[in-house]
Amino acid sequence: MLMTAEFWVAVAFVVFLAIVWKVGGFGMMTKGLDGRAKRVRSELDEARRLREEAAAVLADYKRRRTEAEREAEAIVASAREEAERIAEEGHTRLNDFVARRTKAAETKIAQAEAQAAAQVRAAAADAAVRVSETILRERMQGEAAQDLVRLSLGEVRNRLRA
């Protein structure tokens, strides 16, 4: 058994482990492994912190986007209401304008009718006076007839023009 290769490999391995233990190799290996474990743990903590921060940023972004969408909807609704109000105001103004123009036209027509009626009456009165004057002159003669004609014609003119 002392001459087999496996025995000497085992002895060399035990001697190697004793030398490593004496030099402090196990302590350095455990320190190295502990350091690596600490680095991995800190990296995991950092990754967790970054993930939470990213989730907070995402939530903030979603909240801001929702607020922006609400604000945009409010702006669109306000603009729509303003446009409807302006259109209604325009229709009201147009209707008022048309009503005023119609009333003014009706007033002008009534004035023109009244003026035309007055002119027709005046023309009729003048014609009636002339016809009456001619008839009375032919039938009546003398100074008294002339005075009577003048007085009567003046009276007829006043009554017809009134």
Protein backbone atom coordinates (compact mmCIF):
# COMPACT_ATOMS: atom_id res chain seq x y z
CA MET A 1 0.00 0.00 0.00
CA LEU A 2 2.94 2.37 0.58
CA MET A 3 4.06 1.81 -2.94
CA THR A 4 0.91 2.58 -4.80
CA ALA A 5 0.52 5.80 -6.66
CA GLU A 6 -2.81 6.58 -5.06
CA PHE A 7 -1.26 6.45 -1.61
CA TRP A 8 1.47 8.95 -2.52
CA VAL A 9 -1.07 11.23 -4.22
CA ALA A 10 -3.12 11.19 -1.01
CA VAL A 11 0.02 11.88 1.10
CA ALA A 12 1.02 14.75 -1.22
CA PHE A 13 -2.48 16.14 -1.02
CA VAL A 14 -2.50 16.04 2.80
CA VAL A 15 0.96 17.66 2.90
CA PHE A 16 -0.25 20.33 0.46
CA LEU A 17 -3.30 21.01 2.64
CA ALA A 18 -1.10 21.25 5.74
CA ILE A 19 1.20 23.76 4.04
CA VAL A 20 -1.78 25.80 2.81
CA TRP A 21 -3.28 25.75 6.32
CA LYS A 22 0.03 26.75 7.92
CA VAL A 23 0.60 29.63 5.50
CA GLY A 24 -2.97 30.81 6.10
CA GLY A 25 -4.31 29.86 2.69
CA PHE A 26 -7.66 28.71 4.07
CA GLY A 27 -8.16 32.04 5.77
CA MET A 28 -7.33 33.85 2.54
CA MET A 29 -9.68 31.61 0.59
CA THR A 30 -12.51 32.21 3.08
CA LYS A 31 -11.75 35.93 3.10
CA GLY A 32 -11.79 35.92 -0.71
CA LEU A 33 -15.04 33.97 -0.78
CA ASP A 34 -16.53 36.21 1.95
CA GLY A 35 -15.44 39.32 0.00
CA ARG A 36 -16.94 37.95 -3.15
CA ALA A 37 -20.17 37.14 -1.29
CA LYS A 38 -20.24 40.71 0.08
CA ARG A 39 -19.71 42.12 -3.43
CA VAL A 40 -22.46 39.93 -4.85
CA ARG A 41 -24.76 40.92 -1.95
CA SER A 42 -24.01 44.64 -2.48
CA GLU A 43 -24.55 44.28 -6.22
CA LEU A 44 -27.87 42.55 -5.55
CA ASP A 45 -28.82 45.32 -3.11
CA GLU A 46 -27.82 47.94 -5.68
CA ALA A 47 -29.82 46.12 -8.36
CA ARG A 48 -32.84 45.98 -6.01
CA ARG A 49 -32.47 49.70 -5.22
CA LEU A 50 -32.17 50.56 -8.92
CA ARG A 51 -35.22 48.40 -9.70
CA GLU A 52 -37.26 50.18 -7.03
CA GLU A 53 -36.05 53.54 -8.32
CA ALA A 54 -36.97 52.55 -11.88
CA ALA A 55 -40.41 51.44 -10.68
CA ALA A 56 -40.87 54.81 -8.92
CA VAL A 57 -39.78 56.68 -12.06
CA LEU A 58 -42.17 54.55 -14.16
CA ALA A 59 -45.04 55.23 -11.75
CA ASP A 60 -44.23 58.97 -11.82
CA TYR A 61 -44.13 58.89 -15.62
CA LYS A 62 -47.51 57.11 -15.78
CA ARG A 63 -49.00 59.59 -13.30
CA ARG A 64 -47.67 62.56 -15.29
CA ARG A 65 -48.92 61.05 -18.54
CA THR A 66 -52.37 60.54 -17.03
CA GLU A 67 -52.37 64.13 -15.76
CA ALA A 68 -51.24 65.40 -19.18
CA GLU A 69 -54.00 63.41 -20.90
CA ARG A 70 -56.59 64.82 -18.47
CA GLU A 71 -55.25 68.33 -19.02
CA ALA A 72 -55.33 67.84 -22.80
CA GLU A 73 -58.94 66.59 -22.59
CA ALA A 74 -59.84 69.62 -20.46
CA ILE A 75 -58.19 71.96 -22.98
CA VAL A 76 -60.04 70.30 -25.87
CA ALA A 77 -63.35 70.46 -23.98
CA SER A 78 -62.74 74.11 -23.10
CA ALA A 79 -61.88 74.94 -26.70
CA ARG A 80 -64.99 73.10 -27.91
CA GLU A 81 -67.19 75.01 -25.42
CA GLU A 82 -65.54 78.29 -26.43
CA ALA A 83 -66.12 77.54 -30.11
CA GLU A 84 -69.77 76.67 -29.44
CA ARG A 85 -70.20 79.84 -27.39
CA ILE A 86 -68.60 81.96 -30.13
CA ALA A 87 -70.77 80.30 -32.78
CA GLU A 88 -73.91 80.89 -30.69
CA GLU A 89 -72.85 84.50 -30.12
CA GLY A 90 -72.28 84.90 -33.86
CA HIS A 91 -75.73 83.48 -34.63
CA THR A 92 -77.30 85.81 -32.06
CA ARG A 93 -75.49 88.82 -33.49
CA LEU A 94 -76.46 87.83 -37.02
CA ASN A 95 -80.11 87.41 -36.02
CA ASP A 96 -80.05 90.77 -34.24
CA PHE A 97 -78.46 92.40 -37.27
CA VAL A 98 -81.05 90.87 -39.62
CA ALA A 99 -83.87 91.95 -37.29
CA ARG A 100 -82.50 95.52 -37.13
CA ARG A 101 -82.07 95.68 -40.90
CA THR A 102 -85.56 94.27 -41.44
CA LYS A 103 -87.07 96.79 -39.02
CA ALA A 104 -85.14 99.64 -40.68
CA ALA A 105 -86.34 98.50 -44.12
CA GLU A 106 -89.93 98.23 -42.87
CA THR A 107 -89.65 101.73 -41.37
CA LYS A 108 -88.30 103.13 -44.65
CA ILE A 109 -91.09 101.40 -46.57
CA ALA A 110 -93.71 102.82 -44.20
CA GLN A 111 -92.19 106.30 -44.55
CA ALA A 112 -92.12 105.97 -48.31
CA GLU A 113 -95.75 104.80 -48.31
CA ALA A 114 -96.78 107.71 -46.08
CA GLN A 115 -94.86 110.17 -48.24
CA ALA A 116 -96.37 108.71 -51.42
CA ALA A 117 -99.87 108.88 -49.90
CA ALA A 118 -99.26 112.49 -48.86
CA GLN A 119 -98.01 113.35 -52.34
CA VAL A 120 -101.02 111.63 -53.92
CA ARG A 121 -103.38 113.53 -51.57
CA ALA A 122 -101.62 116.80 -52.31
CA ALA A 123 -101.77 116.15 -56.04
CA ALA A 124 -105.45 115.18 -55.76
CA ALA A 125 -106.18 118.29 -53.67
CA ASP A 126 -104.40 120.52 -56.18
CA ALA A 127 -106.26 118.87 -59.07
CA ALA A 128 -109.58 119.16 -57.21
CA VAL A 129 -108.89 122.82 -56.45
CA ARG A 130 -108.02 123.58 -60.06
CA VAL A 131 -111.08 121.73 -61.35
CA SER A 132 -113.31 123.45 -58.78
CA GLU A 133 -111.79 126.82 -59.62
CA THR A 134 -112.38 126.30 -63.30
CA ILE A 135 -115.98 125.19 -62.76
CA LEU A 136 -116.78 128.05 -60.38
CA ARG A 137 -115.25 130.65 -62.70
CA GLU A 138 -117.34 129.44 -65.57
CA ARG A 139 -120.57 129.51 -63.55
CA MET A 140 -120.00 132.51 -61.36
CA GLN A 141 -119.10 135.97 -62.52
CA GLY A 142 -118.06 139.15 -60.82
CA GLU A 143 -116.03 140.34 -57.82
CA ALA A 144 -118.15 138.49 -55.21
CA ALA A 145 -117.77 135.31 -57.18
CA GLN A 146 -113.99 135.76 -57.21
CA ASP A 147 -113.86 136.28 -53.40
CA LEU A 148 -116.11 133.28 -52.80
CA VAL A 149 -113.97 131.13 -55.08
CA ARG A 150 -110.76 132.17 -53.31
CA LEU A 151 -112.23 131.54 -49.86
CA SER A 152 -113.74 128.20 -50.82
CA LEU A 153 -110.62 127.01 -52.58
CA GLY A 154 -108.44 127.92 -49.58
CA GLU A 155 -110.79 126.01 -47.31
CA VAL A 156 -110.81 122.98 -49.64
CA ARG A 157 -107.00 122.98 -49.77
CA ASN A 158 -106.71 123.07 -45.97
CA ARG A 159 -109.20 120.23 -45.52
CA LEU A 160 -107.65 118.03 -48.18
CA ARG A 161 -104.12 118.50 -46.86
CA ALA A 162 -105.09 117.78 -43.25
